[in-house]
Amino acid sequence: MRSLPRLLWRTIRNDTLATTGLVILAGMIIIALFAPLIATHDPDRENTRVEGVAVHFDGQRWHPADVIGDTPLYGVALASPERGFAVGFEGTVAELAADVWSIVDMDVAVDLRGVDTADGTTIAVGDGGLALHHAGANGAGWQSVDTGADGDLNAVAVASPQHALAVGERGLVLRWDGHAWQRLDSGTVRDLHAVTLIDDSSGFVAGDRGTLLRYDGETFEELEALGFRDLYAIDALDEQTVLAVGERGTILANLDGDWREMRGPESRDLRDVRLLDATSAITVGTHGVVMRLADGEWVNEDTGYGETLRGLATADGHLVAVGTDPFVDRLASPSRDHFFGTTHLGRDIFSQTIHGARTALLVGLLAAFMVVMIGTNVGLIAGYFKGYTGSFLMRFVDVMYALPFEPFALVLVLIFRPSLTIIVLAIGLLTWRTTARIIRSQVLSISERPFVKAAKVAGASHWRILYVHIAPNVLPLAFLQLAVAMAFAITAEATLSFLGLGPPQLHSWGSVLHEARLSGAWRAAWWWIIPPGIFIMLTVVSTFFIARALEVLTNPRLARRS
């Protein structure tokens, strides 16, 4: 007589669907065992993305952001609506020509912080006192010019090919005279972040702690500070029309000869500002903030882009804003970096799904063994002893049938705290009842067979007859119930986790769906709900195929038909 394992294997092997189910289940087990190696990301880590973008306003509407590269852009300058430059991280330089942005191959390794252009001359400045000059489309291209400074330069303003001003850390100010850079005394040691020139002999500088400097072509005069916030950008049309913006929505304005502080609807950092005329302006900042000044009031403007914008330039009514800093890659659709996309917190769904296989199979196996152990023993005792004992156990089973599963699990969670143990107990303590009834019906038939009566005549004890003579004959049925219980346990765990009753520290397929529902993005982010749903379906269907094959061992009619 073949052993039970060989019989089970032959039964599954002779059934195509069962073999398919076994392969799928084996694959799930491998995924669960090697989840940390298969997962591409930490399932709890917020993933960030960096990109260089340009958002264009053509005078009528904002166009979708153009992704120029994979490095942030810090500054932008326009010579015309069709011609411009943007600079950024690690020497990134992008040129706009005929409405198309392209990255320029530069042998520069430091960050470029600012850029400006006037009359065919473009200057970009950056860390370490770096200054790059561009002599126009017919010139020699980008060339590095020694500034003689070793401090970081944050911004530059070009009034003409013979006059430019660059500012930087610890009060650093450099002036370009068309031939060389010369250092000027700014009268401050605070970091300077922005500069604007009205002409060769006048301009303004802004910096830390509300620093405002007036420039007269040779010297600087510090204006009375209106606040203590850092100022990141400044623009001026003339001596009486100036705007400066900075951290936490700070806006300082001189629109009528007197400086005053203005309030806008946003309190996020504002990174750049441009005056469009004496009564209108636009400013950009973090988290995609864009505000327009109209009729003396600042109002939000939607560009369709929600990440940090650092630089802003205007030419003939056209605007270009560039960014961005690294940002959380929220609700990203499936890609090469994130096979199943990301959540609203930027977490990798593929890695969460892979780790969820561990929880699903662990709960499935433990709960299924618990169900089969309890159900098989109750069925054996009730079917063999019959009488009062059997009736009492069956009435107890009837009472258990009256207990609904979800409320029972909820009570357990409320009494204790959500954990894997509580989920296994909730499934195991309430779903053994069907197994008990099936095993009991089988034992009622087996206990009347001659070999059982012979064992009684031979003087065998009841427990020996029960577990040595009867139990082996119900093992195929018990294995069938094990497969069925495992499928139910996986579904039940996903249900409980989806309802928020699962352990918060563990990832499971149900908890992935729970987070999608709580975020409110599950209707749009299809990639968030389909992968865990498919994994649940494949695992449950695979165990069903195996159970379907094992049913042949317990049903003589099916065996003869097969």
Protein backbone atom coordinates (compact mmCIF):
# COMPACT_ATOMS: atom_id res chain seq x y z
CA MET A 1 0.00 0.00 0.00
CA ARG A 2 1.38 3.34 -1.00
CA SER A 3 2.18 5.82 1.75
CA LEU A 4 -0.10 8.82 2.17
CA PRO A 5 2.44 11.41 0.89
CA ARG A 6 3.01 9.38 -2.30
CA LEU A 7 -0.72 9.00 -2.75
CA LEU A 8 -1.28 12.73 -2.34
CA TRP A 9 1.53 13.55 -4.77
CA ARG A 10 0.25 11.12 -7.40
CA THR A 11 -3.25 12.51 -7.05
CA ILE A 12 -2.09 16.09 -7.55
CA ARG A 13 0.29 15.16 -10.37
CA ASN A 14 -2.47 13.44 -12.35
CA ASP A 15 -4.63 16.58 -12.22
CA THR A 16 -3.52 19.42 -14.49
CA LEU A 17 -5.29 22.12 -12.48
CA ALA A 18 -3.92 20.76 -9.21
CA THR A 19 -0.40 20.73 -10.65
CA THR A 20 -0.86 24.33 -11.74
CA GLY A 21 -2.13 25.22 -8.28
CA LEU A 22 0.85 23.52 -6.66
CA VAL A 23 3.28 25.46 -8.88
CA ILE A 24 1.57 28.76 -8.02
CA LEU A 25 1.52 27.95 -4.31
CA ALA A 26 5.18 26.91 -4.42
CA GLY A 27 5.98 30.20 -6.11
CA MET A 28 4.15 32.10 -3.36
CA ILE A 29 6.10 30.18 -0.72
CA ILE A 30 9.40 31.05 -2.43
CA ILE A 31 8.34 34.71 -2.57
CA ALA A 32 7.48 34.62 1.13
CA LEU A 33 10.77 32.97 2.12
CA PHE A 34 12.95 35.33 0.08
CA ALA A 35 10.84 38.49 0.34
CA PRO A 36 13.70 40.73 1.56
CA LEU A 37 15.80 39.70 -1.45
CA ILE A 38 13.01 39.96 -4.01
CA ALA A 39 11.65 43.31 -2.79
CA THR A 40 13.26 46.20 -4.65
CA HIS A 41 12.73 48.80 -1.89
CA ASP A 42 12.15 49.10 1.81
CA PRO A 43 8.35 48.77 2.04
CA ASP A 44 8.20 51.40 4.82
CA ARG A 45 10.49 53.99 3.23
CA GLU A 46 9.20 57.07 1.46
CA ASN A 47 10.74 57.08 -1.99
CA THR A 48 11.79 60.40 -3.46
CA ARG A 49 12.22 61.54 -7.02
CA VAL A 50 14.29 64.34 -8.50
CA GLU A 51 13.64 66.01 -11.80
CA GLY A 52 14.36 69.25 -13.57
CA VAL A 53 11.18 70.80 -14.92
CA ALA A 54 10.09 73.96 -16.71
CA VAL A 55 6.50 75.20 -16.50
CA HIS A 56 5.56 77.65 -19.26
CA PHE A 57 2.89 80.38 -19.34
CA ASP A 58 2.21 81.73 -22.83
CA GLY A 59 0.22 84.77 -21.77
CA GLN A 60 -3.06 82.87 -21.76
CA ARG A 61 -2.58 79.66 -19.80
CA TRP A 62 -0.02 77.44 -18.07
CA HIS A 63 1.20 74.47 -20.06
CA PRO A 64 2.05 71.05 -18.52
CA ALA A 65 5.51 70.83 -17.02
CA ASP A 66 8.36 69.84 -19.34
CA VAL A 67 10.74 67.37 -17.67
CA ILE A 68 14.16 68.55 -18.81
CA GLY A 69 16.37 66.17 -16.83
CA ASP A 70 16.82 64.29 -13.58
CA THR A 71 18.52 67.09 -11.62
CA PRO A 72 16.88 70.12 -9.95
CA LEU A 73 16.97 73.50 -11.67
CA TYR A 74 17.61 76.54 -9.48
CA GLY A 75 17.48 79.52 -11.84
CA VAL A 76 16.16 80.58 -15.24
CA ALA A 77 16.59 83.55 -17.58
CA LEU A 78 14.76 84.43 -20.80
CA ALA A 79 16.18 86.50 -23.64
CA SER A 80 12.90 86.06 -25.53
CA PRO A 81 9.91 83.71 -25.34
CA GLU A 82 11.81 81.28 -27.60
CA ARG A 83 15.30 81.71 -26.14
CA GLY A 84 16.46 81.10 -22.59
CA PHE A 85 18.73 79.32 -20.13
CA ALA A 86 18.24 77.34 -16.91
CA VAL A 87 20.90 76.20 -14.42
CA GLY A 88 20.91 73.81 -11.52
CA PHE A 89 22.40 70.94 -9.57
CA GLU A 90 25.98 69.80 -10.27
CA GLY A 91 26.59 72.17 -13.16
CA THR A 92 23.36 71.43 -15.03
CA VAL A 93 22.77 73.90 -17.86
CA ALA A 94 19.70 73.73 -20.08
CA GLU A 95 19.08 75.88 -23.16
CA LEU A 96 15.70 76.81 -24.62
CA ALA A 97 15.63 77.15 -28.40
CA ALA A 98 12.47 77.15 -30.53
CA ASP A 99 10.36 76.03 -27.56
CA VAL A 100 12.56 72.98 -26.95
CA TRP A 101 14.74 72.50 -23.88
CA SER A 102 18.01 70.60 -24.17
CA ILE A 103 20.76 69.80 -21.68
CA VAL A 104 24.18 71.28 -22.45
CA ASP A 105 27.19 69.04 -21.84
CA MET A 106 29.22 71.02 -19.28
CA ASP A 107 32.47 70.13 -17.56
CA VAL A 108 31.24 71.57 -14.25
CA ALA A 109 30.78 69.64 -11.01
CA VAL A 110 29.43 72.33 -8.67
CA ASP A 111 25.88 73.60 -8.28
CA LEU A 112 24.87 76.60 -10.37
CA ARG A 113 22.54 78.80 -8.33
CA GLY A 114 21.58 81.70 -10.59
CA VAL A 115 21.53 82.92 -14.17
CA ASP A 116 20.59 86.14 -15.96
CA THR A 117 20.81 87.52 -19.48
CA ALA A 118 20.76 90.91 -21.18
CA ASP A 119 21.68 92.13 -24.66
CA GLY A 120 23.07 88.77 -25.75
CA THR A 121 25.23 88.25 -22.67
CA THR A 122 24.34 85.49 -20.22
CA ILE A 123 26.07 84.86 -16.89
CA ALA A 124 25.57 81.90 -14.57
CA VAL A 125 27.04 81.71 -11.05
CA GLY A 126 27.36 78.98 -8.49
CA ASP A 127 29.24 77.39 -5.63
CA GLY A 128 32.91 78.11 -5.04
CA GLY A 129 32.70 81.53 -6.71
CA LEU A 130 32.14 79.95 -10.14
CA ALA A 131 31.01 82.28 -12.96
CA LEU A 132 30.17 81.09 -16.47
CA HIS A 133 29.74 83.53 -19.36
CA HIS A 134 27.88 82.95 -22.61
CA ALA A 135 28.42 85.41 -25.46
CA GLY A 136 25.24 84.66 -27.40
CA ALA A 137 24.31 82.27 -30.18
CA ASN A 138 27.23 83.31 -32.36
CA GLY A 139 29.77 83.53 -29.55
CA ALA A 140 32.22 81.03 -28.18
CA GLY A 141 29.63 79.31 -25.95
CA TRP A 142 30.02 78.88 -22.23
CA GLN A 143 33.34 79.93 -20.71
CA SER A 144 34.50 80.03 -17.11
CA VAL A 145 35.75 83.41 -15.89
CA ASP A 146 37.82 83.68 -12.72
CA THR A 147 36.02 85.74 -10.08
CA GLY A 148 38.79 85.62 -7.50
CA ALA A 149 36.28 84.57 -4.84
CA ASP A 150 36.01 81.24 -3.04
CA GLY A 151 32.60 81.78 -1.47
CA ASP A 152 29.36 80.43 -2.96
CA LEU A 153 27.47 82.76 -5.30
CA ASN A 154 23.69 82.54 -5.06
CA ALA A 155 22.38 84.95 -7.70
CA VAL A 156 23.40 87.26 -10.54
CA ALA A 157 21.78 90.19 -12.32
CA VAL A 158 22.94 91.42 -15.74
CA ALA A 159 22.11 95.01 -16.70
CA SER A 160 24.28 95.10 -19.82
CA PRO A 161 27.31 93.30 -21.29
CA GLN A 162 29.47 95.80 -19.33
CA HIS A 163 27.68 95.62 -15.99
CA ALA A 164 26.54 92.68 -13.84
CA LEU A 165 26.30 92.04 -10.12
CA ALA A 166 26.64 88.69 -8.33
CA VAL A 167 25.89 88.08 -4.63
CA GLY A 168 26.57 85.18 -2.30
CA GLU A 169 27.31 83.92 1.16
CA ARG A 170 28.58 86.09 4.05
CA GLY A 171 27.85 89.36 2.24
CA LEU A 172 29.85 88.47 -0.88
CA VAL A 173 29.24 90.90 -3.78
CA LEU A 174 31.06 90.85 -7.14
CA ARG A 175 30.72 93.36 -9.99
CA TRP A 176 31.40 92.63 -13.66
CA ASP A 177 32.68 95.53 -15.77
CA GLY A 178 32.79 93.74 -19.10
CA HIS A 179 36.36 92.50 -18.58
CA ALA A 180 36.83 91.21 -15.03
CA TRP A 181 35.08 90.63 -11.73
CA GLN A 182 35.71 93.04 -8.86
CA ARG A 183 34.74 92.53 -5.24
CA LEU A 184 32.63 95.22 -3.55
CA ASP A 185 31.98 95.89 0.12
CA SER A 186 28.34 95.16 0.84
CA GLY A 187 28.52 96.31 4.46
CA THR A 188 26.99 93.08 5.77
CA VAL A 189 28.15 89.58 6.67
CA ARG A 190 24.77 87.95 6.18
CA ASP A 191 24.14 85.57 3.30
CA LEU A 192 22.76 87.35 0.23
CA HIS A 193 20.33 85.36 -1.91
CA ALA A 194 19.01 87.68 -4.61
CA VAL A 195 19.92 90.73 -6.67
CA THR A 196 18.11 92.85 -9.27
CA LEU A 197 19.46 95.72 -11.40
CA ILE A 198 17.35 98.54 -12.75
CA ASP A 199 20.26 99.87 -14.79
CA ASP A 200 24.04 100.16 -14.50
CA SER A 201 23.81 102.49 -11.54
CA SER A 202 20.94 101.22 -9.40
CA GLY A 203 19.53 98.01 -7.99
CA PHE A 204 18.57 96.10 -4.88
CA VAL A 205 19.93 93.08 -2.97
CA ALA A 206 18.07 90.78 -0.55
CA GLY A 207 19.32 88.23 1.98
CA ASP A 208 19.03 86.60 5.38
CA ARG A 209 17.05 88.04 8.30
CA GLY A 210 15.17 90.55 6.17
CA THR A 211 18.33 92.11 4.71
CA LEU A 212 17.59 94.70 2.01
CA LEU A 213 20.38 96.70 0.33
CA ARG A 214 20.06 99.57 -2.15
CA TYR A 215 22.82 99.71 -4.78
CA ASP A 216 23.85 102.99 -6.45
CA GLY A 217 26.47 101.67 -8.82
CA GLU A 218 29.34 101.82 -6.32
CA THR A 219 28.14 101.45 -2.74
CA PHE A 220 25.36 99.75 -0.79
CA GLU A 221 22.88 101.24 1.67
CA GLU A 222 21.09 98.92 4.07
CA LEU A 223 17.38 99.66 4.31
CA GLU A 224 15.44 99.36 7.54
CA ALA A 225 14.43 95.74 8.00
CA LEU A 226 10.67 95.11 7.97
CA GLY A 227 10.97 91.58 9.35
CA PHE A 228 13.30 88.81 10.41
CA ARG A 229 12.52 86.24 7.71
CA ASP A 230 15.07 85.27 5.08
CA LEU A 231 14.46 86.86 1.67
CA TYR A 232 15.13 84.64 -1.34
CA ALA A 233 14.20 86.81 -4.34
CA ILE A 234 13.80 90.48 -5.33
CA ASP A 235 12.72 92.32 -8.46
CA ALA A 236 12.38 96.00 -9.35
CA LEU A 237 11.06 98.13 -12.18
CA ASP A 238 12.40 101.36 -10.72
CA GLU A 239 13.38 102.84 -7.36
CA GLN A 240 9.73 103.09 -6.32
CA THR A 241 8.49 99.70 -7.57
CA VAL A 242 10.21 96.80 -5.78
CA LEU A 243 9.07 93.38 -4.52
CA ALA A 244 10.98 90.93 -2.29
CA VAL A 245 9.77 87.48 -1.19
CA GLY A 246 11.11 84.86 1.19
CA GLU A 247 10.48 82.16 3.72
CA ARG A 248 7.01 81.30 5.06
CA GLY A 249 5.21 83.42 2.52
CA THR A 250 7.02 86.67 3.35
CA ILE A 251 6.26 89.45 0.84
CA LEU A 252 7.83 92.91 1.18
CA ALA A 253 6.66 95.56 -1.28
CA ASN A 254 7.58 99.10 -2.26
CA LEU A 255 4.88 99.95 -4.78
CA ASP A 256 4.13 103.55 -3.81
CA GLY A 257 7.38 104.87 -2.35
CA ASP A 258 7.01 103.20 1.06
CA TRP A 259 8.04 99.70 2.10
CA ARG A 260 5.35 97.54 3.65
CA GLU A 261 4.62 93.88 4.27
CA MET A 262 1.93 92.18 2.20
CA ARG A 263 -0.06 89.03 2.92
CA GLY A 264 -0.85 86.25 0.50
CA PRO A 265 -2.96 83.10 0.80
CA GLU A 266 0.11 80.85 1.18
CA SER A 267 2.58 80.50 4.05
CA ARG A 268 5.09 78.33 2.19
CA ASP A 269 8.53 79.52 1.17
CA LEU A 270 8.52 81.80 -1.88
CA ARG A 271 11.62 81.30 -4.03
CA ASP A 272 11.36 83.85 -6.86
CA VAL A 273 9.30 86.86 -7.95
CA ARG A 274 8.83 88.95 -11.08
CA LEU A 275 7.10 92.31 -11.51
CA LEU A 276 5.00 92.33 -14.68
CA ASP A 277 4.13 96.02 -14.38
CA ALA A 278 3.63 98.59 -11.64
CA THR A 279 0.52 96.88 -10.28
CA SER A 280 0.93 93.20 -11.11
CA ALA A 281 3.48 90.52 -10.27
CA ILE A 282 3.89 86.79 -9.93
CA THR A 283 5.78 84.68 -7.41
CA VAL A 284 6.58 80.96 -7.17
CA GLY A 285 7.65 78.71 -4.31
CA THR A 286 7.63 75.31 -2.67
CA HIS A 287 4.91 72.69 -3.21
CA GLY A 288 3.99 74.25 -6.54
CA VAL A 289 2.89 77.57 -5.04
CA VAL A 290 2.21 80.21 -7.69
CA MET A 291 0.58 83.51 -6.68
CA ARG A 292 -0.33 86.48 -8.86
CA LEU A 293 -0.73 90.07 -7.67
CA ALA A 294 -3.75 91.76 -9.22
CA ASP A 295 -5.70 94.78 -7.95
CA GLY A 296 -3.56 94.91 -4.84
CA GLU A 297 -4.37 91.30 -3.78
CA TRP A 298 -2.38 88.10 -4.05
CA VAL A 299 -4.33 85.11 -5.37
CA ASN A 300 -3.32 81.52 -6.05
CA GLU A 301 -2.82 80.38 -9.60
CA ASP A 302 -2.94 76.74 -10.69
CA THR A 303 -0.12 75.59 -12.97
CA GLY A 304 -0.95 71.91 -12.76
CA TYR A 305 2.42 71.21 -11.11
CA GLY A 306 2.63 70.56 -7.39
CA GLU A 307 6.34 70.42 -6.58
CA THR A 308 8.91 73.07 -5.68
CA LEU A 309 9.50 75.89 -8.17
CA ARG A 310 12.73 77.81 -7.54
CA GLY A 311 13.33 80.06 -10.53
CA LEU A 312 11.11 82.41 -12.53
CA ALA A 313 11.71 84.49 -15.67
CA THR A 314 9.57 86.61 -17.95
CA ALA A 315 9.84 87.92 -21.51
CA ASP A 316 7.13 89.69 -23.56
CA GLY A 317 4.31 88.39 -21.38
CA HIS A 318 5.63 84.84 -21.36
CA LEU A 319 6.67 83.19 -18.08
CA VAL A 320 8.86 80.19 -17.30
CA ALA A 321 9.19 78.66 -13.83
CA VAL A 322 11.75 75.93 -13.13
CA GLY A 323 12.38 73.43 -10.28
CA THR A 324 12.50 71.13 -8.38
CA ASP A 325 14.01 69.81 -5.17
CA PRO A 326 13.78 66.08 -4.34
CA PHE A 327 10.15 65.28 -3.55
CA VAL A 328 8.18 62.29 -2.34
CA ASP A 329 7.17 60.18 -5.33
CA ARG A 330 3.48 60.03 -4.45
CA LEU A 331 0.99 57.88 -6.38
CA ALA A 332 3.47 57.18 -9.17
CA SER A 333 2.15 54.77 -11.78
CA PRO A 334 4.05 51.54 -12.50
CA SER A 335 7.51 52.15 -13.90
CA ARG A 336 10.96 50.59 -14.15
CA ASP A 337 11.80 51.90 -10.68
CA HIS A 338 8.48 50.93 -9.08
CA PHE A 339 6.94 47.89 -10.76
CA PHE A 340 3.55 48.34 -9.04
CA GLY A 341 3.77 52.11 -8.55
CA THR A 342 3.82 53.94 -5.21
CA THR A 343 1.34 54.87 -2.50
CA HIS A 344 0.20 58.34 -1.45
CA LEU A 345 3.18 58.34 0.94
CA GLY A 346 5.65 57.36 -1.77
CA ARG A 347 6.08 53.77 -0.58
CA ASP A 348 6.79 51.01 -3.07
CA ILE A 349 3.68 48.85 -3.61
CA PHE A 350 5.65 45.99 -5.19
CA SER A 351 7.79 45.61 -2.06
CA GLN A 352 4.74 45.83 0.20
CA THR A 353 2.99 43.17 -1.87
CA ILE A 354 6.02 40.87 -1.78
CA HIS A 355 6.33 41.22 2.00
CA GLY A 356 2.59 40.68 2.26
CA ALA A 357 3.05 37.14 0.94
CA ARG A 358 4.83 36.26 4.21
CA THR A 359 1.92 37.40 6.34
CA ALA A 360 -0.70 35.77 4.13
CA LEU A 361 0.97 32.35 3.99
CA LEU A 362 1.99 32.38 7.65
CA VAL A 363 -1.56 33.16 8.76
CA GLY A 364 -2.95 30.72 6.21
CA LEU A 365 -0.80 27.81 7.38
CA LEU A 366 -1.08 28.45 11.13
CA ALA A 367 -4.82 29.08 11.04
CA ALA A 368 -5.43 26.11 8.73
CA PHE A 369 -3.50 23.74 11.03
CA MET A 370 -5.41 25.12 14.00
CA VAL A 371 -8.72 24.61 12.22
CA VAL A 372 -7.87 21.05 11.17
CA MET A 373 -6.47 20.08 14.58
CA ILE A 374 -9.50 21.32 16.50
CA GLY A 375 -12.07 20.21 13.94
CA THR A 376 -10.54 16.76 13.42
CA ASN A 377 -10.31 15.98 17.14
CA VAL A 378 -13.84 17.21 17.87
CA GLY A 379 -15.15 15.20 14.90
CA LEU A 380 -13.30 12.05 15.98
CA ILE A 381 -14.59 12.20 19.55
CA ALA A 382 -18.16 13.16 18.58
CA GLY A 383 -18.38 10.45 15.90
CA TYR A 384 -16.86 7.65 17.96
CA PHE A 385 -18.43 8.13 21.40
CA LYS A 386 -21.84 9.19 20.09
CA GLY A 387 -24.51 9.45 22.78
CA TYR A 388 -24.37 12.34 25.24
CA THR A 389 -20.79 13.25 24.34
CA GLY A 390 -21.48 13.41 20.62
CA SER A 391 -24.71 15.34 21.10
CA PHE A 392 -23.05 17.86 23.42
CA LEU A 393 -20.18 18.47 20.99
CA MET A 394 -22.53 18.86 18.02
CA ARG A 395 -24.74 21.33 19.93
CA PHE A 396 -21.58 23.26 20.76
CA VAL A 397 -20.75 23.28 17.05
CA ASP A 398 -24.24 24.67 16.36
CA VAL A 399 -23.60 27.46 18.87
CA MET A 400 -20.30 28.27 17.15
CA TYR A 401 -22.17 28.54 13.84
CA ALA A 402 -24.27 31.31 15.38
CA LEU A 403 -21.20 33.47 16.01
CA PRO A 404 -20.46 35.80 13.07
CA PHE A 405 -16.80 35.91 12.09
CA GLU A 406 -16.08 39.66 11.71
CA PRO A 407 -17.77 40.77 14.99
CA PHE A 408 -16.01 37.93 16.84
CA ALA A 409 -12.64 39.07 15.47
CA LEU A 410 -13.49 42.68 16.34
CA VAL A 411 -14.22 41.72 19.95
CA LEU A 412 -10.90 39.90 20.20
CA VAL A 413 -9.06 42.93 18.83
CA LEU A 414 -10.85 45.23 21.29
CA ILE A 415 -10.05 42.98 24.24
CA PHE A 416 -6.45 42.55 23.16
CA ARG A 417 -4.47 44.59 20.65
CA PRO A 418 -4.23 43.89 16.91
CA SER A 419 -1.59 41.26 16.24
CA LEU A 420 -0.88 38.26 14.09
CA THR A 421 -1.77 35.98 17.01
CA ILE A 422 -5.22 37.53 17.36
CA ILE A 423 -5.92 37.04 13.65
CA VAL A 424 -4.86 33.38 13.77
CA LEU A 425 -6.99 32.82 16.90
CA ALA A 426 -9.99 34.56 15.37
CA ILE A 427 -9.82 32.35 12.29
CA GLY A 428 -8.89 29.13 14.08
CA LEU A 429 -11.37 29.36 16.96
CA LEU A 430 -14.35 30.06 14.73
CA THR A 431 -13.86 28.11 11.50
CA TRP A 432 -13.16 24.57 12.74
CA ARG A 433 -16.88 23.79 13.01
CA THR A 434 -17.34 22.63 9.37
CA THR A 435 -14.29 20.37 9.63
CA ALA A 436 -15.70 18.85 12.84
CA ARG A 437 -19.02 17.99 11.18
CA ILE A 438 -17.39 16.46 8.09
CA ILE A 439 -14.94 14.36 10.12
CA ARG A 440 -17.74 13.23 12.47
CA SER A 441 -19.85 11.98 9.56
CA GLN A 442 -16.89 10.00 8.27
CA VAL A 443 -16.10 8.56 11.72
CA LEU A 444 -19.73 7.44 12.18
CA SER A 445 -19.30 5.22 9.13
CA ILE A 446 -15.77 3.98 9.90
CA SER A 447 -16.55 3.10 13.53
CA GLU A 448 -19.03 0.44 12.35
CA ARG A 449 -16.53 -1.37 10.16
CA PRO A 450 -15.24 -4.85 11.09
CA PHE A 451 -11.63 -3.81 11.81
CA VAL A 452 -12.86 -1.42 14.52
CA LYS A 453 -15.00 -4.13 16.09
CA ALA A 454 -12.06 -6.52 15.92
CA ALA A 455 -9.89 -4.00 17.75
CA LYS A 456 -12.52 -3.72 20.50
CA VAL A 457 -12.68 -7.52 20.86
CA ALA A 458 -8.88 -7.60 21.05
CA GLY A 459 -9.08 -5.29 24.09
CA ALA A 460 -7.76 -2.08 22.54
CA SER A 461 -8.64 1.10 24.46
CA HIS A 462 -11.00 3.68 23.05
CA TRP A 463 -8.21 6.20 22.48
CA ARG A 464 -6.05 3.63 20.73
CA ILE A 465 -8.93 2.67 18.46
CA LEU A 466 -9.68 6.35 17.84
CA TYR A 467 -6.17 7.54 16.95
CA VAL A 468 -4.49 4.35 15.67
CA HIS A 469 -7.27 2.64 13.74
CA ILE A 470 -9.80 5.35 12.81
CA ALA A 471 -7.73 8.55 12.49
CA PRO A 472 -5.48 7.28 9.61
CA ASN A 473 -8.61 6.58 7.59
CA VAL A 474 -9.81 10.19 7.85
CA LEU A 475 -6.40 11.75 7.10
CA PRO A 476 -7.14 12.29 3.37
CA LEU A 477 -10.29 14.13 4.39
CA ALA A 478 -8.29 16.12 6.93
CA PHE A 479 -5.78 17.12 4.24
CA LEU A 480 -8.66 18.20 2.03
CA GLN A 481 -9.99 20.36 4.85
CA LEU A 482 -6.47 21.73 5.41
CA ALA A 483 -6.36 23.05 1.84
CA VAL A 484 -9.87 24.48 2.11
CA ALA A 485 -9.12 26.07 5.49
CA MET A 486 -5.92 27.61 4.19
CA ALA A 487 -7.78 29.30 1.34
CA PHE A 488 -10.40 30.59 3.77
CA ALA A 489 -7.73 31.77 6.24
CA ILE A 490 -5.90 33.79 3.58
CA THR A 491 -9.15 35.42 2.52
CA ALA A 492 -10.17 36.02 6.15
CA GLU A 493 -6.81 37.63 7.01
CA ALA A 494 -7.08 39.92 4.00
CA THR A 495 -10.62 40.83 5.07
CA LEU A 496 -9.63 41.63 8.66
CA SER A 497 -6.60 43.65 7.57
CA PHE A 498 -8.72 45.50 5.02
CA LEU A 499 -11.08 46.44 7.87
CA GLY A 500 -8.12 47.73 9.87
CA LEU A 501 -8.03 44.84 12.37
CA GLY A 502 -4.64 43.53 11.28
CA PRO A 503 -1.29 44.18 12.95
CA PRO A 504 -0.11 47.68 11.99
CA GLN A 505 3.57 46.71 12.04
CA LEU A 506 3.18 44.00 9.37
CA HIS A 507 2.48 44.26 5.69
CA SER A 508 -0.22 42.07 4.23
CA TRP A 509 -2.28 42.13 1.08
CA GLY A 510 -5.29 43.24 3.08
CA SER A 511 -3.37 46.08 4.75
CA VAL A 512 -2.22 47.33 1.33
CA LEU A 513 -5.86 47.53 0.25
CA HIS A 514 -6.75 49.14 3.61
CA GLU A 515 -4.22 51.93 3.06
CA ALA A 516 -5.52 52.47 -0.46
CA ARG A 517 -9.06 52.86 0.86
CA LEU A 518 -8.03 55.21 3.68
CA SER A 519 -6.02 57.41 1.32
CA GLY A 520 -9.04 58.02 -0.88
CA ALA A 521 -6.90 57.37 -3.97
CA TRP A 522 -8.01 53.79 -4.55
CA ARG A 523 -10.52 54.77 -7.22
CA ALA A 524 -7.90 56.47 -9.39
CA ALA A 525 -4.69 54.61 -8.44
CA TRP A 526 -5.60 51.27 -10.00
CA TRP A 527 -2.03 50.03 -9.56
CA TRP A 528 -2.53 50.18 -5.78
CA ILE A 529 -5.42 47.71 -5.57
CA ILE A 530 -5.00 45.34 -8.53
CA PRO A 531 -1.62 43.71 -7.60
CA PRO A 532 -2.57 42.62 -4.04
CA GLY A 533 -5.98 41.55 -5.37
CA ILE A 534 -4.31 39.36 -7.99
CA PHE A 535 -1.97 37.84 -5.39
CA ILE A 536 -4.93 37.01 -3.14
CA MET A 537 -6.82 35.50 -6.07
CA LEU A 538 -3.88 33.40 -7.28
CA THR A 539 -3.12 32.01 -3.81
CA VAL A 540 -6.73 31.17 -3.02
CA VAL A 541 -7.40 29.66 -6.45
CA SER A 542 -4.21 27.56 -6.23
CA THR A 543 -5.31 26.02 -2.93
CA PHE A 544 -8.77 25.44 -4.39
CA PHE A 545 -7.26 23.53 -7.33
CA ILE A 546 -5.27 21.37 -4.90
CA ALA A 547 -8.35 20.77 -2.73
CA ARG A 548 -10.35 19.82 -5.82
CA ALA A 549 -7.81 17.10 -6.65
CA LEU A 550 -7.67 15.80 -3.07
CA GLU A 551 -11.44 15.43 -3.06
CA VAL A 552 -10.98 12.37 -5.27
CA LEU A 553 -9.38 10.57 -2.30
CA THR A 554 -12.39 11.19 -0.07
CA ASN A 555 -15.24 10.65 -2.54
CA PRO A 556 -15.44 7.10 -3.99
CA ARG A 557 -17.75 8.23 -6.78
CA LEU A 558 -15.28 10.82 -7.98
CA ALA A 559 -12.46 8.26 -7.70
CA ARG A 560 -14.33 5.74 -9.88
CA ARG A 561 -15.23 8.46 -12.39
CA SER A 562 -11.59 9.56 -12.53
